[in-house]
């Protein structure tokens, strides 16, 4: 499904507003100096944590901001904290200054008026995303961001395998995946729901299995959820007995699934970061024979963001951190396979020569897909579908299929 025209219109309005608001940025920088930003961000991967440590040092040196990475397993916990603070009447001295967020958590915060903004168009480096040409940076799970979150990185489901042990062609569709799992029991799995990557796998499967996916791009309560999702449960019922540990146990996260691949327990896995397999090879976590691919017809992809709660006492510093994350320096380092490998949200082709050179890296890594291989990106369903699928999965499978 195409990204909604409204997102493109919003992108143009954000771009126009950026010029008008740029003049007050020095005042933001002045206010930010000496502030402490408590950034609630997922901490389930060493490379991510190391990158955030680097950001911490850079914003301290450049802007006089102390950045504290509040390590969380589930973004929903930060959302719940902000909601609890508002319920207690805490409207200006919250404990959360910045959140790594997207999808259903962003939708929940917008619905409950828990976000500061709009602020994204006030960030000087936001213009480098060229939203008028890249509306995905102002759209989150079909919802226009309206400046209440700033893009930070991209993601797309990418499958990977060990070419030395997988002798046949890897499965190129969800139907082929089921047949492959039946022929290779115990060699594939997905993370336990409600893990984000596991939930994304459910959405990828549902998109492939439904006859008409239009219902997935509207709020779930506008459809017959049981009828629309029925093919997914039928598929999983058939798949689970052939998974790792017969589907009675699931890895907790993508990094844990990657470790199972590295240990040789799995023969096929997937990630939401297309560069992760190559980065893991460089870190000696996966064998050099690792290869990546996407399913025929494309795979699910999105942009992830940062947002500022309405009651953050350090909103100026949080904005400065969000802007630093959009600098070519920070984006290029994040995309570096030796650091993290998370794809940039900047429109690299429109950068000047010096900044564009920052993103040049070897593209012939055998585990790294070329950009054109990721051209077919399936948009995320409405965020309400993720919540409904998670709840239905847990009701159906917790304790074993």
Protein backbone atom coordinates (compact mmCIF):
# COMPACT_ATOMS: atom_id res chain seq x y z
CA UNK A 1 0.00 0.00 0.00
CA UNK A 2 1.32 3.49 -0.80
CA UNK A 3 2.08 5.93 1.98
CA UNK A 4 -0.89 8.20 2.45
CA UNK A 5 -0.94 11.52 0.50
CA UNK A 6 -1.50 13.32 3.82
CA UNK A 7 2.02 12.35 4.89
CA UNK A 8 3.50 13.96 1.79
CA UNK A 9 1.52 17.15 2.42
CA UNK A 10 2.73 17.23 6.02
CA UNK A 11 6.28 16.74 4.82
CA UNK A 12 6.01 19.88 2.70
CA UNK A 13 4.60 21.90 5.58
CA UNK A 14 7.39 20.69 7.90
CA UNK A 15 10.01 21.68 5.35
CA UNK A 16 8.56 25.18 5.00
CA UNK A 17 8.33 25.61 8.76
CA UNK A 18 11.97 24.65 9.26
CA UNK A 19 13.22 27.86 7.66
CA UNK A 20 10.93 30.04 9.75
CA UNK A 21 11.92 28.41 13.02
CA UNK A 22 15.65 28.09 12.47
CA UNK A 23 16.30 31.50 13.96
CA UNK A 24 15.44 30.45 17.51
CA UNK A 25 17.84 27.49 17.56
CA UNK A 26 20.59 29.40 19.35
CA UNK A 27 18.18 30.04 22.21
CA UNK A 28 17.50 26.30 22.39
CA UNK A 29 21.24 25.58 22.52
CA UNK A 30 21.70 28.14 25.30
CA UNK A 31 18.86 26.64 27.36
CA UNK A 32 20.16 23.11 26.80
CA UNK A 33 23.66 23.69 28.16
CA UNK A 34 24.03 22.17 31.62
CA UNK A 35 20.85 20.06 31.37
CA UNK A 36 20.63 16.28 31.84
CA UNK A 37 18.63 14.17 29.41
CA UNK A 38 17.25 10.84 30.59
CA UNK A 39 16.86 8.84 27.39
CA UNK A 40 14.71 5.74 27.80
CA UNK A 41 15.93 3.41 25.06
CA UNK A 42 15.99 -0.30 24.36
CA UNK A 43 19.24 -1.82 25.62
CA UNK A 44 19.09 -5.35 24.24
CA UNK A 45 22.13 -5.17 21.95
CA UNK A 46 25.76 -4.39 22.78
CA UNK A 47 26.31 -2.46 19.54
CA UNK A 48 23.34 -0.19 20.25
CA UNK A 49 24.53 0.46 23.81
CA UNK A 50 28.07 1.23 22.63
CA UNK A 51 26.73 3.67 20.05
CA UNK A 52 24.64 5.47 22.66
CA UNK A 53 27.75 5.73 24.85
CA UNK A 54 29.48 7.47 21.96
CA UNK A 55 26.52 9.86 21.56
CA UNK A 56 26.73 10.56 25.30
CA UNK A 57 30.34 11.70 24.96
CA UNK A 58 29.71 13.80 21.87
CA UNK A 59 26.75 15.79 23.26
CA UNK A 60 28.65 16.37 26.50
CA UNK A 61 31.67 17.75 24.64
CA UNK A 62 29.75 19.70 22.00
CA UNK A 63 26.73 21.01 23.90
CA UNK A 64 27.41 20.60 27.62
CA UNK A 65 24.55 18.08 27.95
CA UNK A 66 24.69 15.05 30.24
CA UNK A 67 22.95 12.12 28.54
CA UNK A 68 21.81 9.22 30.69
CA UNK A 69 20.81 6.04 28.87
CA UNK A 70 17.97 4.57 30.90
CA UNK A 71 18.11 0.98 29.70
CA UNK A 72 14.74 -0.64 29.13
CA UNK A 73 13.52 -3.92 27.65
CA UNK A 74 10.12 -2.62 26.54
CA UNK A 75 9.32 0.90 25.35
CA UNK A 76 5.84 0.46 26.79
CA UNK A 77 7.33 0.80 30.28
CA UNK A 78 8.46 4.36 29.51
CA UNK A 79 5.04 5.18 28.08
CA UNK A 80 3.37 3.83 31.22
CA UNK A 81 5.66 5.93 33.40
CA UNK A 82 4.77 9.14 31.59
CA UNK A 83 1.06 8.28 31.76
CA UNK A 84 1.33 7.57 35.51
CA UNK A 85 3.09 10.89 36.07
CA UNK A 86 0.35 12.79 34.29
CA UNK A 87 -2.31 10.95 36.29
CA UNK A 88 -0.48 12.02 39.46
CA UNK A 89 -0.52 15.67 38.34
CA UNK A 90 3.16 15.82 37.37
CA UNK A 91 2.99 18.07 34.33
CA UNK A 92 6.42 19.71 34.33
CA UNK A 93 8.95 17.58 36.21
CA UNK A 94 8.80 14.18 34.55
CA UNK A 95 11.51 11.52 34.77
CA UNK A 96 11.62 10.80 31.01
CA UNK A 97 13.19 13.34 28.65
CA UNK A 98 13.56 11.33 25.44
CA UNK A 99 12.17 8.00 24.22
CA UNK A 100 13.26 5.73 21.36
CA UNK A 101 9.84 4.98 19.97
CA UNK A 102 7.56 4.11 17.08
CA UNK A 103 4.42 2.20 16.20
CA UNK A 104 1.82 1.45 18.82
CA UNK A 105 3.75 3.27 21.56
CA UNK A 106 3.80 6.49 19.55
CA UNK A 107 0.10 6.07 18.80
CA UNK A 108 -0.67 5.57 22.51
CA UNK A 109 1.27 8.67 23.52
CA UNK A 110 -0.38 10.83 20.87
CA UNK A 111 -3.82 9.56 21.78
CA UNK A 112 -3.22 10.46 25.43
CA UNK A 113 -1.54 13.83 24.73
CA UNK A 114 1.71 12.69 26.32
CA UNK A 115 4.14 14.23 23.81
CA UNK A 116 5.85 17.60 23.53
CA UNK A 117 5.69 19.21 20.14
CA UNK A 118 5.58 19.68 17.32
CA UNK A 119 9.35 19.99 17.48
CA UNK A 120 10.89 17.98 14.60
CA UNK A 121 10.72 20.85 12.10
CA UNK A 122 12.63 23.05 14.57
CA UNK A 123 15.70 20.77 14.38
CA UNK A 124 18.24 22.24 11.94
CA UNK A 125 19.33 18.84 10.63
CA UNK A 126 15.79 17.56 10.11
CA UNK A 127 15.84 19.20 6.67
CA UNK A 128 18.55 16.71 5.61
CA UNK A 129 15.93 13.95 5.60
CA UNK A 130 14.17 15.85 2.79
CA UNK A 131 10.71 14.81 3.97
CA UNK A 132 9.08 16.30 0.89
CA UNK A 133 10.81 13.52 -1.09
CA UNK A 134 10.84 10.87 1.67
CA UNK A 135 7.42 10.91 3.37
CA UNK A 136 8.27 7.77 5.36
CA UNK A 137 10.25 9.99 7.79
CA UNK A 138 7.00 11.74 8.78
CA UNK A 139 4.79 8.63 8.85
CA UNK A 140 4.72 6.07 11.66
CA UNK A 141 2.64 2.90 11.14
CA UNK A 142 0.27 4.82 8.78
CA UNK A 143 -0.01 7.76 11.24
CA UNK A 144 1.37 11.21 10.34
CA UNK A 145 3.96 12.15 12.97
CA UNK A 146 3.00 15.86 12.73
CA UNK A 147 6.38 16.84 14.19
CA UNK A 148 5.88 14.99 17.50
CA UNK A 149 8.77 12.62 16.86
CA UNK A 150 12.04 12.90 14.97
CA UNK A 151 13.31 10.14 12.64
CA UNK A 152 16.46 8.34 13.69
CA UNK A 153 16.93 5.13 11.69
CA UNK A 154 15.38 2.65 9.27
CA UNK A 155 14.49 -1.01 9.54
CA UNK A 156 13.35 -3.79 7.23
CA UNK A 157 12.91 -7.52 7.77
CA UNK A 158 15.91 -9.34 6.34
CA UNK A 159 16.45 -13.09 6.46
CA UNK A 160 19.91 -14.62 6.81
CA UNK A 161 21.44 -18.09 6.75
CA UNK A 162 24.73 -19.97 6.66
CA UNK A 163 25.44 -20.84 3.04
CA UNK A 164 27.84 -23.61 4.11
CA UNK A 165 25.14 -25.53 5.98
CA UNK A 166 21.99 -24.60 4.04
CA UNK A 167 22.48 -26.57 0.86
CA UNK A 168 19.15 -25.81 -0.82
CA UNK A 169 17.73 -22.42 -1.79
CA UNK A 170 16.32 -20.61 1.25
CA UNK A 171 12.55 -20.11 1.40
CA UNK A 172 11.37 -17.04 -0.49
CA UNK A 173 7.80 -16.78 0.78
CA UNK A 174 5.84 -17.53 3.93
CA UNK A 175 4.40 -20.64 2.28
CA UNK A 176 7.89 -21.84 1.38
CA UNK A 177 9.05 -21.07 4.91
CA UNK A 178 6.46 -23.45 6.34
CA UNK A 179 7.50 -26.18 3.91
CA UNK A 180 11.16 -25.57 4.73
CA UNK A 181 10.51 -25.76 8.48
CA UNK A 182 8.65 -29.04 8.05
CA UNK A 183 11.63 -30.44 6.13
CA UNK A 184 14.17 -28.99 8.61
CA UNK A 185 12.58 -29.30 12.07
CA UNK A 186 14.08 -27.28 14.89
CA UNK A 187 16.17 -25.06 12.62
CA UNK A 188 14.02 -21.92 12.61
CA UNK A 189 12.12 -19.87 15.17
CA UNK A 190 11.02 -16.32 15.96
CA UNK A 191 11.21 -14.23 19.17
CA UNK A 192 8.59 -14.60 21.84
CA UNK A 193 5.70 -12.16 21.65
CA UNK A 194 5.47 -9.29 22.64
CA UNK A 195 9.08 -8.81 21.50
CA UNK A 196 9.05 -6.22 18.70
CA UNK A 197 10.83 -8.43 16.18
CA UNK A 198 8.57 -11.38 16.92
CA UNK A 199 5.50 -9.18 16.55
CA UNK A 200 6.86 -7.90 13.25
CA UNK A 201 7.13 -11.49 12.04
CA UNK A 202 3.42 -11.94 12.81
CA UNK A 203 2.57 -8.89 10.72
CA UNK A 204 4.78 -10.03 7.85
CA UNK A 205 3.01 -13.39 7.84
CA UNK A 206 -0.46 -11.85 8.08
CA UNK A 207 0.17 -9.49 5.16
CA UNK A 208 1.25 -12.47 3.06
CA UNK A 209 -1.65 -14.67 4.11
CA UNK A 210 -4.69 -12.39 3.89
CA UNK A 211 -6.51 -12.08 0.57
CA UNK A 212 -7.06 -8.34 0.97
CA UNK A 213 -4.61 -6.44 3.17
CA UNK A 214 -6.48 -3.12 3.06
CA UNK A 215 -8.10 -3.85 6.41
CA UNK A 216 -4.66 -3.87 8.05
CA UNK A 217 -4.13 -0.18 7.29
CA UNK A 218 -7.18 1.03 9.20
CA UNK A 219 -7.88 0.72 12.94
CA UNK A 220 -8.43 -2.89 13.92
CA UNK A 221 -11.85 -2.19 15.40
CA UNK A 222 -13.10 -1.34 11.91
CA UNK A 223 -12.61 -4.97 10.85
CA UNK A 224 -13.62 -8.44 11.95
CA UNK A 225 -10.35 -9.24 13.70
CA UNK A 226 -11.10 -12.93 14.16
CA UNK A 227 -11.91 -13.41 10.49
CA UNK A 228 -8.99 -11.35 9.16
CA UNK A 229 -6.42 -12.95 11.46
CA UNK A 230 -7.69 -16.55 11.10
CA UNK A 231 -5.18 -17.46 8.32
CA UNK A 232 -2.32 -16.37 10.60
CA UNK A 233 -3.31 -18.69 13.46
CA UNK A 234 -3.84 -21.55 11.05
CA UNK A 235 -0.35 -20.92 9.67
CA UNK A 236 1.29 -20.71 13.11
CA UNK A 237 -0.52 -23.82 14.33
CA UNK A 238 1.10 -25.67 11.43
CA UNK A 239 4.50 -24.00 11.87
CA UNK A 240 5.07 -24.24 15.63
CA UNK A 241 5.63 -28.01 15.93
CA UNK A 242 8.56 -27.67 13.51
CA UNK A 243 10.25 -24.73 15.22
CA UNK A 244 13.25 -24.72 17.56
CA UNK A 245 12.22 -26.62 20.69
CA UNK A 246 8.99 -27.50 18.88
CA UNK A 247 7.56 -24.05 19.46
CA UNK A 248 7.23 -24.67 23.19
CA UNK A 249 9.92 -22.11 23.92
CA UNK A 250 11.00 -19.00 22.01
CA UNK A 251 14.11 -16.81 22.14
CA UNK A 252 13.51 -13.60 24.03
CA UNK A 253 14.79 -11.25 21.33
CA UNK A 254 16.51 -10.81 18.00
CA UNK A 255 20.00 -10.79 19.58
CA UNK A 256 19.22 -14.08 21.33
CA UNK A 257 18.05 -15.54 18.01
CA UNK A 258 21.30 -14.33 16.46
CA UNK A 259 23.25 -16.13 19.18
CA UNK A 260 21.39 -19.32 18.37
CA UNK A 261 22.48 -18.88 14.76
CA UNK A 262 26.06 -18.32 15.83
CA UNK A 263 25.96 -21.45 17.99
CA UNK A 264 24.65 -23.50 15.08
CA UNK A 265 21.30 -24.30 16.72
CA UNK A 266 19.41 -22.50 13.96
CA UNK A 267 19.97 -22.61 10.22
CA UNK A 268 17.74 -19.70 9.24
CA UNK A 269 16.89 -16.48 11.07
CA UNK A 270 15.80 -12.91 10.42
CA UNK A 271 16.44 -9.41 11.70
CA UNK A 272 14.90 -5.97 11.41
CA UNK A 273 18.27 -4.39 10.57
CA UNK A 274 19.43 -5.26 7.04
CA UNK A 275 23.08 -4.67 7.98
CA UNK A 276 23.01 -6.79 11.15
CA UNK A 277 24.21 -10.06 9.54
CA UNK A 278 27.24 -8.33 8.01
CA UNK A 279 27.98 -6.49 11.26
CA UNK A 280 27.72 -9.76 13.18
CA UNK A 281 30.16 -11.39 10.76
CA UNK A 282 32.58 -8.52 11.36
CA UNK A 283 32.20 -9.06 15.12
CA UNK A 284 32.85 -12.82 14.69
CA UNK A 285 29.35 -13.60 15.99
CA UNK A 286 28.31 -15.25 12.72
CA UNK A 287 30.40 -17.25 10.21
CA UNK A 288 31.83 -15.64 7.09
CA UNK A 289 29.52 -17.87 5.05
CA UNK A 290 26.47 -15.93 6.29
CA UNK A 291 24.25 -14.56 3.51
CA UNK A 292 21.18 -12.28 3.54
CA UNK A 293 18.03 -11.99 1.45
CA UNK A 294 14.47 -10.70 1.49
CA UNK A 295 11.29 -12.49 0.54
CA UNK A 296 9.86 -12.26 -2.95
CA UNK A 297 7.43 -9.36 -3.07
CA UNK A 298 9.23 -7.44 -0.33
CA UNK A 299 9.35 -7.36 3.45
CA UNK A 300 7.97 -5.14 6.16
CA UNK A 301 9.92 -1.97 6.90
CA UNK A 302 9.62 1.22 8.89
CA UNK A 303 11.41 4.21 10.35
CA UNK A 304 12.16 4.48 14.05
CA UNK A 305 12.06 7.78 15.92
CA UNK A 306 12.77 9.65 19.11
CA UNK A 307 10.10 11.64 20.96
CA UNK A 308 9.98 14.01 23.94
CA UNK A 309 7.33 13.60 26.68
CA UNK A 310 5.09 16.58 27.42
CA UNK A 311 6.38 16.86 31.01
CA UNK A 312 10.11 16.57 30.37
CA UNK A 313 11.88 19.28 32.40
CA UNK A 314 14.74 19.27 29.88
CA UNK A 315 12.97 19.68 26.55
CA UNK A 316 15.60 22.02 25.10
CA UNK A 317 18.40 19.51 25.73
CA UNK A 318 16.26 16.65 24.42
CA UNK A 319 15.76 18.60 21.19
CA UNK A 320 19.49 19.17 20.88
CA UNK A 321 20.16 15.45 21.32
CA UNK A 322 17.48 14.62 18.72
CA UNK A 323 19.11 17.07 16.32
CA UNK A 324 22.59 15.65 16.92
CA UNK A 325 21.26 12.20 16.05
CA UNK A 326 20.40 13.61 12.61
CA UNK A 327 23.84 15.05 11.88
CA UNK A 328 25.78 13.38 9.07
CA UNK A 329 28.47 12.56 11.63
CA UNK A 330 26.09 10.67 13.92
CA UNK A 331 24.10 9.05 11.11
CA UNK A 332 27.21 7.84 9.27
CA UNK A 333 28.70 6.38 12.43
CA UNK A 334 25.42 4.62 13.21
CA UNK A 335 25.35 3.11 9.71
CA UNK A 336 28.98 1.94 9.90
CA UNK A 337 29.05 -1.87 9.98
CA UNK A 338 31.86 -1.77 12.50
CA UNK A 339 29.70 0.28 14.88
CA UNK A 340 26.02 -0.65 14.52
CA UNK A 341 24.95 -0.86 10.88
CA UNK A 342 21.59 0.88 11.37
CA UNK A 343 20.51 2.51 8.06
CA UNK A 344 20.40 6.30 7.85
CA UNK A 345 17.26 8.41 7.51
CA UNK A 346 19.17 11.16 5.72
CA UNK A 347 18.72 11.61 1.98
CA UNK A 348 22.38 10.85 1.26
CA UNK A 349 22.15 11.66 -2.45
CA UNK A 350 21.21 15.24 -1.56
CA UNK A 351 24.07 15.83 0.90
CA UNK A 352 27.11 17.85 -0.08
CA UNK A 353 30.20 15.98 -1.25
CA UNK A 354 31.96 16.01 2.12
CA UNK A 355 28.98 14.67 4.05
CA UNK A 356 28.09 12.15 1.37
CA UNK A 357 31.63 10.77 1.61
CA UNK A 358 31.00 9.90 5.27
CA UNK A 359 28.56 7.21 4.14
CA UNK A 360 30.86 5.52 1.68
CA UNK A 361 31.65 2.01 2.83
CA UNK A 362 32.44 -1.28 1.19
CA UNK A 363 29.27 -2.55 -0.48
CA UNK A 364 30.69 -5.89 -1.54
CA UNK A 365 30.40 -7.59 1.86
CA UNK A 366 28.87 -10.98 1.03
CA UNK A 367 26.45 -10.78 3.97
CA UNK A 368 25.26 -7.25 3.10
CA UNK A 369 22.41 -6.73 0.67
CA UNK A 370 22.78 -3.96 -1.93
CA UNK A 371 20.32 -1.07 -1.52
CA UNK A 372 18.31 -2.12 -4.57
CA UNK A 373 17.54 -5.47 -2.94
CA UNK A 374 15.58 -3.59 -0.26
CA UNK A 375 13.55 -1.53 -2.72
CA UNK A 376 10.31 -3.43 -2.11
CA UNK A 377 9.35 -2.32 1.38
CA UNK A 378 5.93 -3.23 2.74
CA UNK A 379 4.43 -0.47 4.92
CA UNK A 380 3.50 -1.14 8.52
CA UNK A 381 -0.16 -1.83 9.34
CA UNK A 382 -2.08 0.51 11.63
CA UNK A 383 -0.56 0.32 15.15
CA UNK A 384 -3.75 -1.10 16.64
CA UNK A 385 -3.13 -4.34 14.72
CA UNK A 386 0.14 -4.95 16.50
CA UNK A 387 -1.48 -4.71 19.92
CA UNK A 388 -4.37 -6.96 18.88
CA UNK A 389 -2.04 -9.58 17.39
CA UNK A 390 0.17 -9.61 20.48
CA UNK A 391 -2.79 -10.12 22.79
CA UNK A 392 -4.28 -12.85 20.61
CA UNK A 393 -0.93 -14.67 20.31
CA UNK A 394 -0.41 -14.67 24.05
CA UNK A 395 -3.94 -15.91 24.69
CA UNK A 396 -3.46 -18.71 22.19
CA UNK A 397 0.13 -19.85 22.74
CA UNK A 398 1.40 -18.90 26.19
CA UNK A 399 2.24 -22.15 27.89
CA UNK A 400 2.77 -23.93 24.58
CA UNK A 401 0.84 -24.40 21.36
